[in-house]
Amino acid sequence: PTPPGTSTTTEVTTLTTTNPPSPSTLITSKPSSPPTTDTTTLASTTSPDSLACYQCIGCSSVDSSTPVISDASYQSCVTTVVLSDANVIRGGSYVLHPDGECAQDAEILSCWCSSSKCNNINI
């Protein structure tokens, strides 16, 4: 019996021997090679459309050690300042804002930008 997923090729070989004087036929079977498929998989840690934003709390400035988060769902990067204590919060926003837009709500001032790592202004 042939296992599922394989096919069988039959070879017919004619053999001539001296005894008996007539040719005899030998039939052999061997499994043929299974079909092959080449698959290429590309791995990526960030989508080319991901927006990368600095993400930190209490960081009036950023440097090479400041965490950066990339997310394809980010629409803007944001820098928020709590005016009463000058606490600075940086991160990504899932809401699209015009580049350079700022808004103040009571003691909170937020500014949005739209390019990767644009929320790097020292405050």
PDB file of N, CA and C in Angstrom:
ATOM      1  N   PRO A   1       0.843  -1.198   0.000  1.00  0.00           N
ATOM      2  CA  PRO A   1       0.000   0.000   0.000  1.00  0.00           C
ATOM      3  C   PRO A   1       0.875   1.244   0.000  1.00  0.00           C
ATOM      4  N   THR A   2       0.436   2.258  -0.723  1.00  0.00           N
ATOM      5  CA  THR A   2       1.156   3.524  -0.826  1.00  0.00           C
ATOM      6  C   THR A   2       0.619   4.469   0.238  1.00  0.00           C
ATOM      7  N   PRO A   3       1.533   5.097   1.009  1.00  0.00           N
ATOM      8  CA  PRO A   3       1.059   6.038   2.039  1.00  0.00           C
ATOM      9  C   PRO A   3       0.347   7.218   1.386  1.00  0.00           C
ATOM     10  N   PRO A   4      -0.639   7.818   2.078  1.00  0.00           N
ATOM     11  CA  PRO A   4      -1.350   8.973   1.528  1.00  0.00           C
ATOM     12  C   PRO A   4      -0.361  10.100   1.236  1.00  0.00           C
ATOM     13  N   GLY A   5      -0.603  10.838   0.165  1.00  0.00           N
ATOM     14  CA  GLY A   5       0.237  11.978  -0.176  1.00  0.00           C
ATOM     15  C   GLY A   5       1.432  11.610  -1.030  1.00  0.00           C
ATOM     16  N   THR A   6       1.628  10.321  -1.362  1.00  0.00           N
ATOM     17  CA  THR A   6       2.739   9.930  -2.222  1.00  0.00           C
ATOM     18  C   THR A   6       2.168   9.225  -3.439  1.00  0.00           C
ATOM     19  N   SER A   7       2.963   9.178  -4.495  1.00  0.00           N
ATOM     20  CA  SER A   7       2.537   8.452  -5.681  1.00  0.00           C
ATOM     21  C   SER A   7       3.567   7.373  -5.963  1.00  0.00           C
ATOM     22  N   THR A   8       3.208   6.454  -6.806  1.00  0.00           N
ATOM     23  CA  THR A   8       4.094   5.339  -7.117  1.00  0.00           C
ATOM     24  C   THR A   8       4.430   5.362  -8.600  1.00  0.00           C
ATOM     25  N   THR A   9       5.703   5.185  -8.897  1.00  0.00           N
ATOM     26  CA  THR A   9       6.156   5.080 -10.277  1.00  0.00           C
ATOM     27  C   THR A   9       6.533   3.630 -10.525  1.00  0.00           C
ATOM     28  N   THR A  10       6.086   3.093 -11.615  1.00  0.00           N
ATOM     29  CA  THR A  10       6.409   1.703 -11.948  1.00  0.00           C
ATOM     30  C   THR A  10       7.455   1.693 -13.052  1.00  0.00           C
ATOM     31  N   GLU A  11       8.529   0.953 -12.819  1.00  0.00           N
ATOM     32  CA  GLU A  11       9.576   0.798 -13.820  1.00  0.00           C
ATOM     33  C   GLU A  11       9.488  -0.608 -14.389  1.00  0.00           C
ATOM     34  N   VAL A  12       9.624  -0.699 -15.672  1.00  0.00           N
ATOM     35  CA  VAL A  12       9.628  -2.014 -16.320  1.00  0.00           C
ATOM     36  C   VAL A  12      11.015  -2.216 -16.912  1.00  0.00           C
ATOM     37  N   THR A  13      11.655  -3.289 -16.500  1.00  0.00           N
ATOM     38  CA  THR A  13      12.995  -3.610 -16.986  1.00  0.00           C
ATOM     39  C   THR A  13      12.948  -4.968 -17.672  1.00  0.00           C
ATOM     40  N   THR A  14      13.510  -5.027 -18.853  1.00  0.00           N
ATOM     41  CA  THR A  14      13.570  -6.319 -19.550  1.00  0.00           C
ATOM     42  C   THR A  14      14.934  -6.921 -19.297  1.00  0.00           C
ATOM     43  N   LEU A  15      14.936  -8.151 -18.839  1.00  0.00           N
ATOM     44  CA  LEU A  15      16.150  -8.881 -18.501  1.00  0.00           C
ATOM     45  C   LEU A  15      16.307 -10.054 -19.450  1.00  0.00           C
ATOM     46  N   THR A  16      17.454 -10.193 -19.994  1.00  0.00           N
ATOM     47  CA  THR A  16      17.702 -11.356 -20.851  1.00  0.00           C
ATOM     48  C   THR A  16      18.677 -12.265 -20.130  1.00  0.00           C
ATOM     49  N   THR A  17      18.299 -13.481 -19.984  1.00  0.00           N
ATOM     50  CA  THR A  17      19.165 -14.456 -19.316  1.00  0.00           C
ATOM     51  C   THR A  17      19.417 -15.625 -20.256  1.00  0.00           C
ATOM     52  N   THR A  18      20.416 -16.390 -19.951  1.00  0.00           N
ATOM     53  CA  THR A  18      20.718 -17.561 -20.779  1.00  0.00           C
ATOM     54  C   THR A  18      19.859 -18.743 -20.415  1.00  0.00           C
ATOM     55  N   ASN A  19      19.336 -18.769 -19.223  1.00  0.00           N
ATOM     56  CA  ASN A  19      18.515 -19.903 -18.808  1.00  0.00           C
ATOM     57  C   ASN A  19      17.319 -19.351 -18.065  1.00  0.00           C
ATOM     58  N   PRO A  20      16.156 -19.325 -18.490  1.00  0.00           N
ATOM     59  CA  PRO A  20      15.592 -19.858 -19.711  1.00  0.00           C
ATOM     60  C   PRO A  20      15.987 -18.990 -20.904  1.00  0.00           C
ATOM     61  N   PRO A  21      15.892 -19.477 -22.098  1.00  0.00           N
ATOM     62  CA  PRO A  21      16.316 -18.767 -23.282  1.00  0.00           C
ATOM     63  C   PRO A  21      15.433 -17.584 -23.668  1.00  0.00           C
ATOM     64  N   SER A  22      14.222 -17.499 -23.148  1.00  0.00           N
ATOM     65  CA  SER A  22      13.361 -16.370 -23.507  1.00  0.00           C
ATOM     66  C   SER A  22      13.533 -15.238 -22.496  1.00  0.00           C
ATOM     67  N   PRO A  23      13.334 -14.021 -22.936  1.00  0.00           N
ATOM     68  CA  PRO A  23      13.462 -12.894 -21.996  1.00  0.00           C
ATOM     69  C   PRO A  23      12.371 -12.955 -20.928  1.00  0.00           C
ATOM     70  N   SER A  24      12.698 -12.490 -19.756  1.00  0.00           N
ATOM     71  CA  SER A  24      11.703 -12.390 -18.687  1.00  0.00           C
ATOM     72  C   SER A  24      11.568 -10.914 -18.318  1.00  0.00           C
ATOM     73  N   THR A  25      10.458 -10.578 -17.765  1.00  0.00           N
ATOM     74  CA  THR A  25      10.200  -9.187 -17.417  1.00  0.00           C
ATOM     75  C   THR A  25      10.159  -9.050 -15.903  1.00  0.00           C
ATOM     76  N   LEU A  26      10.882  -8.057 -15.416  1.00  0.00           N
ATOM     77  CA  LEU A  26      10.925  -7.789 -13.982  1.00  0.00           C
ATOM     78  C   LEU A  26      10.210  -6.463 -13.753  1.00  0.00           C
ATOM     79  N   ILE A  27       9.247  -6.446 -12.888  1.00  0.00           N
ATOM     80  CA  ILE A  27       8.513  -5.217 -12.584  1.00  0.00           C
ATOM     81  C   ILE A  27       8.845  -4.819 -11.156  1.00  0.00           C
ATOM     82  N   THR A  28       9.312  -3.608 -11.009  1.00  0.00           N
ATOM     83  CA  THR A  28       9.617  -3.103  -9.671  1.00  0.00           C
ATOM     84  C   THR A  28       8.831  -1.826  -9.448  1.00  0.00           C
ATOM     85  N   SER A  29       8.514  -1.533  -8.208  1.00  0.00           N
ATOM     86  CA  SER A  29       7.807  -0.302  -7.849  1.00  0.00           C
ATOM     87  C   SER A  29       8.620   0.443  -6.825  1.00  0.00           C
ATOM     88  N   LYS A  30       8.658   1.746  -6.983  1.00  0.00           N
ATOM     89  CA  LYS A  30       9.309   2.575  -5.970  1.00  0.00           C
ATOM     90  C   LYS A  30       8.515   3.867  -5.825  1.00  0.00           C
ATOM     91  N   PRO A  31       8.453   4.400  -4.621  1.00  0.00           N
ATOM     92  CA  PRO A  31       7.714   5.653  -4.427  1.00  0.00           C
ATOM     93  C   PRO A  31       8.448   6.794  -5.130  1.00  0.00           C
ATOM     94  N   SER A  32       7.692   7.656  -5.763  1.00  0.00           N
ATOM     95  CA  SER A  32       8.314   8.833  -6.368  1.00  0.00           C
ATOM     96  C   SER A  32       8.479   9.906  -5.298  1.00  0.00           C
ATOM     97  N   SER A  33       9.303  10.888  -5.584  1.00  0.00           N
ATOM     98  CA  SER A  33       9.542  11.964  -4.620  1.00  0.00           C
ATOM     99  C   SER A  33       8.279  12.787  -4.456  1.00  0.00           C
ATOM    100  N   PRO A  34       7.972  13.172  -3.226  1.00  0.00           N
ATOM    101  CA  PRO A  34       6.793  14.021  -3.026  1.00  0.00           C
ATOM    102  C   PRO A  34       7.051  15.395  -3.641  1.00  0.00           C
ATOM    103  N   PRO A  35       5.997  16.075  -4.075  1.00  0.00           N
ATOM    104  CA  PRO A  35       6.194  17.417  -4.642  1.00  0.00           C
ATOM    105  C   PRO A  35       6.758  18.358  -3.585  1.00  0.00           C
ATOM    106  N   THR A  36       7.570  19.297  -4.020  1.00  0.00           N
ATOM    107  CA  THR A  36       8.162  20.250  -3.080  1.00  0.00           C
ATOM    108  C   THR A  36       7.605  21.638  -3.343  1.00  0.00           C
ATOM    109  N   THR A  37       7.559  22.432  -2.306  1.00  0.00           N
ATOM    110  CA  THR A  37       7.105  23.810  -2.388  1.00  0.00           C
ATOM    111  C   THR A  37       8.118  24.680  -1.672  1.00  0.00           C
ATOM    112  N   ASP A  38       8.578  25.725  -2.343  1.00  0.00           N
ATOM    113  CA  ASP A  38       9.485  26.675  -1.706  1.00  0.00           C
ATOM    114  C   ASP A  38       8.650  27.789  -1.099  1.00  0.00           C
ATOM    115  N   THR A  39       8.890  28.064   0.171  1.00  0.00           N
ATOM    116  CA  THR A  39       8.169  29.116   0.865  1.00  0.00           C
ATOM    117  C   THR A  39       9.171  30.078   1.461  1.00  0.00           C
ATOM    118  N   THR A  40       8.946  31.372   1.248  1.00  0.00           N
ATOM    119  CA  THR A  40       9.797  32.395   1.832  1.00  0.00           C
ATOM    120  C   THR A  40       8.958  33.183   2.820  1.00  0.00           C
ATOM    121  N   THR A  41       9.439  33.288   4.042  1.00  0.00           N
ATOM    122  CA  THR A  41       8.745  34.042   5.070  1.00  0.00           C
ATOM    123  C   THR A  41       9.632  35.194   5.501  1.00  0.00           C
ATOM    124  N   LEU A  42       9.086  36.391   5.486  1.00  0.00           N
ATOM    125  CA  LEU A  42       9.822  37.562   5.928  1.00  0.00           C
ATOM    126  C   LEU A  42       9.324  37.945   7.313  1.00  0.00           C
ATOM    127  N   ALA A  43      10.244  38.179   8.212  1.00  0.00           N
ATOM    128  CA  ALA A  43       9.875  38.569   9.569  1.00  0.00           C
ATOM    129  C   ALA A  43      10.267  40.021   9.786  1.00  0.00           C
ATOM    130  N   SER A  44       9.426  40.739  10.469  1.00  0.00           N
ATOM    131  CA  SER A  44       9.703  42.137  10.746  1.00  0.00           C
ATOM    132  C   SER A  44       9.205  42.454  12.141  1.00  0.00           C
ATOM    133  N   THR A  45       9.981  43.248  12.864  1.00  0.00           N
ATOM    134  CA  THR A  45       9.556  43.592  14.216  1.00  0.00           C
ATOM    135  C   THR A  45       8.668  44.827  14.211  1.00  0.00           C
ATOM    136  N   THR A  46       8.806  45.653  13.189  1.00  0.00           N
ATOM    137  CA  THR A  46       7.933  46.811  13.093  1.00  0.00           C
ATOM    138  C   THR A  46       7.439  46.945  11.669  1.00  0.00           C
ATOM    139  N   SER A  47       6.229  47.376  11.554  1.00  0.00           N
ATOM    140  CA  SER A  47       5.659  47.611  10.240  1.00  0.00           C
ATOM    141  C   SER A  47       6.269  48.884   9.672  1.00  0.00           C
ATOM    142  N   PRO A  48       6.461  48.936   8.348  1.00  0.00           N
ATOM    143  CA  PRO A  48       7.011  50.157   7.771  1.00  0.00           C
ATOM    144  C   PRO A  48       6.113  51.360   8.014  1.00  0.00           C
ATOM    145  N   ASP A  49       4.823  51.138   8.306  1.00  0.00           N
ATOM    146  CA  ASP A  49       3.892  52.227   8.554  1.00  0.00           C
ATOM    147  C   ASP A  49       3.761  52.562  10.037  1.00  0.00           C
ATOM    148  N   SER A  50       4.539  51.911  10.900  1.00  0.00           N
ATOM    149  CA  SER A  50       4.454  52.171  12.335  1.00  0.00           C
ATOM    150  C   SER A  50       5.011  53.546  12.657  1.00  0.00           C
ATOM    151  N   LEU A  51       4.371  54.197  13.601  1.00  0.00           N
ATOM    152  CA  LEU A  51       4.869  55.468  14.111  1.00  0.00           C
ATOM    153  C   LEU A  51       5.602  55.171  15.414  1.00  0.00           C
ATOM    154  N   ALA A  52       6.824  55.665  15.545  1.00  0.00           N
ATOM    155  CA  ALA A  52       7.630  55.448  16.750  1.00  0.00           C
ATOM    156  C   ALA A  52       7.592  56.719  17.591  1.00  0.00           C
ATOM    157  N   CYS A  53       7.250  56.569  18.864  1.00  0.00           N
ATOM    158  CA  CYS A  53       7.146  57.723  19.762  1.00  0.00           C
ATOM    159  C   CYS A  53       7.916  57.444  21.048  1.00  0.00           C
ATOM    160  N   TYR A  54       8.554  58.500  21.586  1.00  0.00           N
ATOM    161  CA  TYR A  54       9.164  58.367  22.905  1.00  0.00           C
ATOM    162  C   TYR A  54       8.044  58.136  23.902  1.00  0.00           C
ATOM    163  N   GLN A  55       8.304  57.272  24.889  1.00  0.00           N
ATOM    164  CA  GLN A  55       7.289  56.981  25.896  1.00  0.00           C
ATOM    165  C   GLN A  55       7.934  57.015  27.272  1.00  0.00           C
ATOM    166  N   CYS A  56       7.545  58.003  28.067  1.00  0.00           N
ATOM    167  CA  CYS A  56       8.110  58.135  29.412  1.00  0.00           C
ATOM    168  C   CYS A  56       7.236  59.066  30.243  1.00  0.00           C
ATOM    169  N   ILE A  57       7.401  58.976  31.541  1.00  0.00           N
ATOM    170  CA  ILE A  57       6.705  59.848  32.488  1.00  0.00           C
ATOM    171  C   ILE A  57       7.768  60.523  33.336  1.00  0.00           C
ATOM    172  N   GLY A  58       7.633  61.834  33.525  1.00  0.00           N
ATOM    173  CA  GLY A  58       8.610  62.574  34.325  1.00  0.00           C
ATOM    174  C   GLY A  58       9.916  62.792  33.577  1.00  0.00           C
ATOM    175  N   CYS A  59       9.833  62.990  32.287  1.00  0.00           N
ATOM    176  CA  CYS A  59      11.048  63.138  31.472  1.00  0.00           C
ATOM    177  C   CYS A  59      11.010  64.472  30.730  1.00  0.00           C
ATOM    178  N   SER A  60      11.645  65.480  31.290  1.00  0.00           N
ATOM    179  CA  SER A  60      11.661  66.797  30.649  1.00  0.00           C
ATOM    180  C   SER A  60      12.554  66.821  29.419  1.00  0.00           C
ATOM    181  N   SER A  61      13.429  65.821  29.292  1.00  0.00           N
ATOM    182  CA  SER A  61      14.262  65.694  28.089  1.00  0.00           C
ATOM    183  C   SER A  61      14.371  64.211  27.730  1.00  0.00           C
ATOM    184  N   VAL A  62      14.772  63.946  26.488  1.00  0.00           N
ATOM    185  CA  VAL A  62      14.955  62.561  26.039  1.00  0.00           C
ATOM    186  C   VAL A  62      16.395  62.374  25.595  1.00  0.00           C
ATOM    187  N   ASP A  63      16.863  61.133  25.675  1.00  0.00           N
ATOM    188  CA  ASP A  63      18.197  60.787  25.183  1.00  0.00           C
ATOM    189  C   ASP A  63      18.146  59.359  24.646  1.00  0.00           C
ATOM    190  N   SER A  64      19.298  58.780  24.387  1.00  0.00           N
ATOM    191  CA  SER A  64      19.345  57.442  23.787  1.00  0.00           C
ATOM    192  C   SER A  64      18.777  56.352  24.703  1.00  0.00           C
ATOM    193  N   SER A  65      18.626  56.638  25.996  1.00  0.00           N
ATOM    194  CA  SER A  65      18.082  55.623  26.911  1.00  0.00           C
ATOM    195  C   SER A  65      16.563  55.742  27.093  1.00  0.00           C
ATOM    196  N   THR A  66      15.948  56.764  26.510  1.00  0.00           N
ATOM    197  CA  THR A  66      14.500  56.942  26.633  1.00  0.00           C
ATOM    198  C   THR A  66      13.782  55.884  25.793  1.00  0.00           C
ATOM    199  N   PRO A  67      12.831  55.161  26.385  1.00  0.00           N
ATOM    200  CA  PRO A  67      12.115  54.121  25.623  1.00  0.00           C
ATOM    201  C   PRO A  67      11.367  54.697  24.417  1.00  0.00           C
ATOM    202  N   VAL A  68      11.387  53.948  23.331  1.00  0.00           N
ATOM    203  CA  VAL A  68      10.655  54.304  22.114  1.00  0.00           C
ATOM    204  C   VAL A  68       9.714  53.145  21.808  1.00  0.00           C
ATOM    205  N   ILE A  69       8.443  53.456  21.594  1.00  0.00           N
ATOM    206  CA  ILE A  69       7.444  52.443  21.271  1.00  0.00           C
ATOM    207  C   ILE A  69       6.965  52.676  19.837  1.00  0.00           C
ATOM    208  N   SER A  70       6.978  51.612  19.027  1.00  0.00           N
ATOM    209  CA  SER A  70       6.456  51.671  17.654  1.00  0.00           C
ATOM    210  C   SER A  70       5.138  50.924  17.617  1.00  0.00           C
ATOM    211  N   ASP A  71       4.140  51.548  17.010  1.00  0.00           N
ATOM    212  CA  ASP A  71       2.826  50.915  16.931  1.00  0.00           C
ATOM    213  C   ASP A  71       2.144  51.372  15.640  1.00  0.00           C
ATOM    214  N   ALA A  72       1.689  50.432  14.843  1.00  0.00           N
ATOM    215  CA  ALA A  72       1.011  50.764  13.589  1.00  0.00           C
ATOM    216  C   ALA A  72      -0.309  51.494  13.850  1.00  0.00           C
ATOM    217  N   SER A  73      -0.849  51.403  15.061  1.00  0.00           N
ATOM    218  CA  SER A  73      -2.109  52.074  15.389  1.00  0.00           C
ATOM    219  C   SER A  73      -1.912  53.522  15.828  1.00  0.00           C
ATOM    220  N   TYR A  74      -0.673  53.911  16.167  1.00  0.00           N
ATOM    221  CA  TYR A  74      -0.433  55.307  16.553  1.00  0.00           C
ATOM    222  C   TYR A  74      -0.724  56.221  15.369  1.00  0.00           C
ATOM    223  N   GLN A  75      -1.443  57.303  15.650  1.00  0.00           N
ATOM    224  CA  GLN A  75      -1.736  58.323  14.645  1.00  0.00           C
ATOM    225  C   GLN A  75      -0.883  59.570  14.846  1.00  0.00           C
ATOM    226  N   SER A  76      -0.423  59.796  16.072  1.00  0.00           N
ATOM    227  CA  SER A  76       0.377  60.966  16.427  1.00  0.00           C
ATOM    228  C   SER A  76       1.250  60.612  17.623  1.00  0.00           C
ATOM    229  N   CYS A  77       2.311  61.384  17.809  1.00  0.00           N
ATOM    230  CA  CYS A  77       3.072  61.333  19.062  1.00  0.00           C
ATOM    231  C   CYS A  77       2.620  62.538  19.878  1.00  0.00           C
ATOM    232  N   VAL A  78       2.701  62.431  21.197  1.00  0.00           N
ATOM    233  CA  VAL A  78       2.216  63.516  22.048  1.00  0.00           C
ATOM    234  C   VAL A  78       3.199  63.783  23.184  1.00  0.00           C
ATOM    235  N   THR A  79       3.316  65.057  23.522  1.00  0.00           N
ATOM    236  CA  THR A  79       4.041  65.484  24.720  1.00  0.00           C
ATOM    237  C   THR A  79       3.030  66.251  25.565  1.00  0.00           C
ATOM    238  N   THR A  80       2.865  65.827  26.810  1.00  0.00           N
ATOM    239  CA  THR A  80       1.902  66.449  27.716  1.00  0.00           C
ATOM    240  C   THR A  80       2.649  66.988  28.922  1.00  0.00           C
ATOM    241  N   VAL A  81       2.299  68.214  29.324  1.00  0.00           N
ATOM    242  CA  VAL A  81       2.904  68.833  30.507  1.00  0.00           C
ATOM    243  C   VAL A  81       1.789  69.130  31.504  1.00  0.00           C
ATOM    244  N   VAL A  82       1.974  68.635  32.728  1.00  0.00           N
ATOM    245  CA  VAL A  82       1.065  68.984  33.823  1.00  0.00           C
ATOM    246  C   VAL A  82       1.615  70.289  34.391  1.00  0.00           C
ATOM    247  N   LEU A  83       0.913  71.383  34.150  1.00  0.00           N
ATOM    248  CA  LEU A  83       1.446  72.711  34.461  1.00  0.00           C
ATOM    249  C   LEU A  83       1.642  72.951  35.954  1.00  0.00           C
ATOM    250  N   SER A  84       0.832  72.340  36.798  1.00  0.00           N
ATOM    251  CA  SER A  84       0.944  72.588  38.236  1.00  0.00           C
ATOM    252  C   SER A  84       2.248  72.064  38.825  1.00  0.00           C
ATOM    253  N   ASP A  85       2.811  70.995  38.251  1.00  0.00           N
ATOM    254  CA  ASP A  85       4.066  70.460  38.798  1.00  0.00           C
ATOM    255  C   ASP A  85       5.150  70.252  37.733  1.00  0.00           C
ATOM    256  N   ALA A  86       4.894  70.704  36.498  1.00  0.00           N
ATOM    257  CA  ALA A  86       5.845  70.608  35.383  1.00  0.00           C
ATOM    258  C   ALA A  86       6.216  69.159  35.042  1.00  0.00           C
ATOM    259  N   ASN A  87       5.354  68.221  35.388  1.00  0.00           N
ATOM    260  CA  ASN A  87       5.593  66.823  35.032  1.00  0.00           C
ATOM    261  C   ASN A  87       5.362  66.651  33.524  1.00  0.00           C
ATOM    262  N   VAL A  88       6.315  66.019  32.838  1.00  0.00           N
ATOM    263  CA  VAL A  88       6.228  65.822  31.389  1.00  0.00           C
ATOM    264  C   VAL A  88       5.954  64.345  31.100  1.00  0.00           C
ATOM    265  N   ILE A  89       4.971  64.111  30.258  1.00  0.00           N
ATOM    266  CA  ILE A  89       4.588  62.754  29.857  1.00  0.00           C
ATOM    267  C   ILE A  89       4.658  62.691  28.331  1.00  0.00           C
ATOM    268  N   ARG A  90       5.334  61.675  27.823  1.00  0.00           N
ATOM    269  CA  ARG A  90       5.467  61.507  26.366  1.00  0.00           C
ATOM    270  C   ARG A  90       4.906  60.147  25.977  1.00  0.00           C
ATOM    271  N   GLY A  91       4.332  60.072  24.785  1.00  0.00           N
ATOM    272  CA  GLY A  91       3.804  58.791  24.324  1.00  0.00           C
ATOM    273  C   GLY A  91       3.208  58.889  22.941  1.00  0.00           C
ATOM    274  N   GLY A  92       2.473  57.853  22.580  1.00  0.00           N
ATOM    275  CA  GLY A  92       1.791  57.797  21.296  1.00  0.00           C
ATOM    276  C   GLY A  92       0.303  57.992  21.499  1.00  0.00           C
ATOM    277  N   SER A  93      -0.353  58.497  20.457  1.00  0.00           N
ATOM    278  CA  SER A  93      -1.791  58.731  20.510  1.00  0.00           C
ATOM    279  C   SER A  93      -2.469  57.952  19.387  1.00  0.00           C
ATOM    280  N   TYR A  94      -3.600  57.343  19.703  1.00  0.00           N
ATOM    281  CA  TYR A  94      -4.381  56.620  18.702  1.00  0.00           C
ATOM    282  C   TYR A  94      -5.334  57.547  17.947  1.00  0.00           C
ATOM    283  N   VAL A  95      -5.291  58.839  18.297  1.00  0.00           N
ATOM    284  CA  VAL A  95      -6.138  59.846  17.656  1.00  0.00           C
ATOM    285  C   VAL A  95      -5.264  60.703  16.750  1.00  0.00           C
ATOM    286  N   LEU A  96      -5.731  60.940  15.530  1.00  0.00           N
ATOM    287  CA  LEU A  96      -4.985  61.759  14.583  1.00  0.00           C
ATOM    288  C   LEU A  96      -5.162  63.233  14.929  1.00  0.00           C
ATOM    289  N   HIS A  97      -4.052  63.941  15.086  1.00  0.00           N
ATOM    290  CA  HIS A  97      -4.048  65.383  15.326  1.00  0.00           C
ATOM    291  C   HIS A  97      -3.170  66.030  14.269  1.00  0.00           C
ATOM    292  N   PRO A  98      -3.466  67.270  13.893  1.00  0.00           N
ATOM    293  CA  PRO A  98      -2.581  67.965  12.953  1.00  0.00           C
ATOM    294  C   PRO A  98      -1.190  68.144  13.569  1.00  0.00           C
ATOM    295  N   ASP A  99      -0.169  68.029  12.740  1.00  0.00           N
ATOM    296  CA  ASP A  99       1.210  68.196  13.200  1.00  0.00           C
ATOM    297  C   ASP A  99       1.378  69.584  13.813  1.00  0.00           C
ATOM    298  N   GLY A 100       1.859  69.645  15.047  1.00  0.00           N
ATOM    299  CA  GLY A 100       2.090  70.920  15.729  1.00  0.00           C
ATOM    300  C   GLY A 100       0.910  71.428  16.535  1.00  0.00           C
ATOM    301  N   GLU A 101      -0.214  70.731  16.523  1.00  0.00           N
ATOM    302  CA  GLU A 101      -1.380  71.166  17.292  1.00  0.00           C
ATOM    303  C   GLU A 101      -1.100  71.047  18.787  1.00  0.00           C
ATOM    304  N   CYS A 102      -1.487  72.071  19.538  1.00  0.00           N
ATOM    305  CA  CYS A 102      -1.391  72.053  21.000  1.00  0.00           C
ATOM    306  C   CYS A 102      -2.756  72.417  21.567  1.00  0.00           C
ATOM    307  N   ALA A 103      -3.080  71.855  22.710  1.00  0.00           N
ATOM    308  CA  ALA A 103      -4.347  72.164  23.371  1.00  0.00           C
ATOM    309  C   ALA A 103      -4.117  72.165  24.869  1.00  0.00           C
ATOM    310  N   GLN A 104      -4.767  73.129  25.540  1.00  0.00           N
ATOM    311  CA  GLN A 104      -4.670  73.204  26.993  1.00  0.00           C
ATOM    312  C   GLN A 104      -6.042  72.956  27.579  1.00  0.00           C
ATOM    313  N   ASP A 105      -6.083  72.079  28.574  1.00  0.00           N
ATOM    314  CA  ASP A 105      -7.311  71.786  29.291  1.00  0.00           C
ATOM    315  C   ASP A 105      -6.992  71.946  30.769  1.00  0.00           C
ATOM    316  N   ALA A 106      -7.417  73.070  31.345  1.00  0.00           N
ATOM    317  CA  ALA A 106      -7.107  73.410  32.737  1.00  0.00           C
ATOM    318  C   ALA A 106      -5.597  73.412  32.940  1.00  0.00           C
ATOM    319  N   GLU A 107      -5.077  72.496  33.736  1.00  0.00           N
ATOM    320  CA  GLU A 107      -3.647  72.461  34.074  1.00  0.00           C
ATOM    321  C   GLU A 107      -2.835  71.521  33.183  1.00  0.00           C
ATOM    322  N   ILE A 108      -3.412  71.058  32.085  1.00  0.00           N
ATOM    323  CA  ILE A 108      -2.709  70.107  31.216  1.00  0.00           C
ATOM    324  C   ILE A 108      -2.562  70.695  29.817  1.00  0.00           C
ATOM    325  N   LEU A 109      -1.321  70.730  29.327  1.00  0.00           N
ATOM    326  CA  LEU A 109      -1.014  71.202  27.979  1.00  0.00           C
ATOM    327  C   LEU A 109      -0.469  70.016  27.184  1.00  0.00           C
ATOM    328  N   SER A 110      -1.089  69.721  26.045  1.00  0.00           N
ATOM    329  CA  SER A 110      -0.639  68.618  25.188  1.00  0.00           C
ATOM    330  C   SER A 110      -0.330  69.150  23.798  1.00  0.00           C
ATOM    331  N   CYS A 111       0.763  68.653  23.210  1.00  0.00           N
ATOM    332  CA  CYS A 111       1.138  68.998  21.844  1.00  0.00           C
ATOM    333  C   CYS A 111       1.389  67.707  21.074  1.00  0.00           C
ATOM    334  N   TRP A 112       0.879  67.650  19.839  1.00  0.00           N
ATOM    335  CA  TRP A 112       0.976  66.457  19.008  1.00  0.00           C
ATOM    336  C   TRP A 112       1.857  66.725  17.792  1.00  0.00           C
ATOM    337  N   CYS A 113       2.449  65.677  17.300  1.00  0.00           N
ATOM    338  CA  CYS A 113       3.256  65.756  16.082  1.00  0.00           C
ATOM    339  C   CYS A 113       3.062  64.454  15.310  1.00  0.00           C
ATOM    340  N   SER A 114       3.482  64.444  14.050  1.00  0.00           N
ATOM    341  CA  SER A 114       3.091  63.304  13.213  1.00  0.00           C
ATOM    342  C   SER A 114       4.231  62.526  12.560  1.00  0.00           C
ATOM    343  N   SER A 115       5.470  62.729  12.994  1.00  0.00           N
ATOM    344  CA  SER A 115       6.573  61.930  12.445  1.00  0.00           C
ATOM    345  C   SER A 115       7.233  61.140  13.579  1.00  0.00           C
ATOM    346  N   SER A 116       7.928  60.088  13.222  1.00  0.00           N
ATOM    347  CA  SER A 116       8.528  59.224  14.240  1.00  0.00           C
ATOM    348  C   SER A 116       9.510  59.987  15.131  1.00  0.00           C
ATOM    349  N   LYS A 117       9.381  59.748  16.425  1.00  0.00           N
ATOM    350  CA  LYS A 117      10.220  60.334  17.486  1.00  0.00           C
ATOM    351  C   LYS A 117      10.232  61.865  17.451  1.00  0.00           C
ATOM    352  N   CYS A 118       9.113  62.437  17.018  1.00  0.00           N
ATOM    353  CA  CYS A 118       9.015  63.901  16.968  1.00  0.00           C
ATOM    354  C   CYS A 118       8.714  64.506  18.337  1.00  0.00           C
ATOM    355  N   ASN A 119       8.307  63.687  19.316  1.00  0.00           N
ATOM    356  CA  ASN A 119       7.991  64.215  20.650  1.00  0.00           C
ATOM    357  C   ASN A 119       9.252  64.242  21.527  1.00  0.00           C
ATOM    358  N   ASN A 120      10.303  64.854  20.973  1.00  0.00           N
ATOM    359  CA  ASN A 120      11.615  64.876  21.634  1.00  0.00           C
ATOM    360  C   ASN A 120      12.027  66.263  22.120  1.00  0.00           C
ATOM    361  N   ILE A 121      11.148  67.238  22.060  1.00  0.00           N
ATOM    362  CA  ILE A 121      11.485  68.606  22.464  1.00  0.00           C
ATOM    363  C   ILE A 121      11.733  68.654  23.970  1.00  0.00           C
ATOM    364  N   ASN A 122      12.869  69.263  24.360  1.00  0.00           N
ATOM    365  CA  ASN A 122      13.172  69.420  25.792  1.00  0.00           C
ATOM    366  C   ASN A 122      12.265  70.486  26.385  1.00  0.00           C
ATOM    367  N   ILE A 123      11.741  70.210  27.581  1.00  0.00           N
ATOM    368  CA  ILE A 123      10.823  71.150  28.236  1.00  0.00           C
ATOM    369  C   ILE A 123      11.393  71.538  29.581  1.00  0.00           C
TER     370      ILE A 123
END
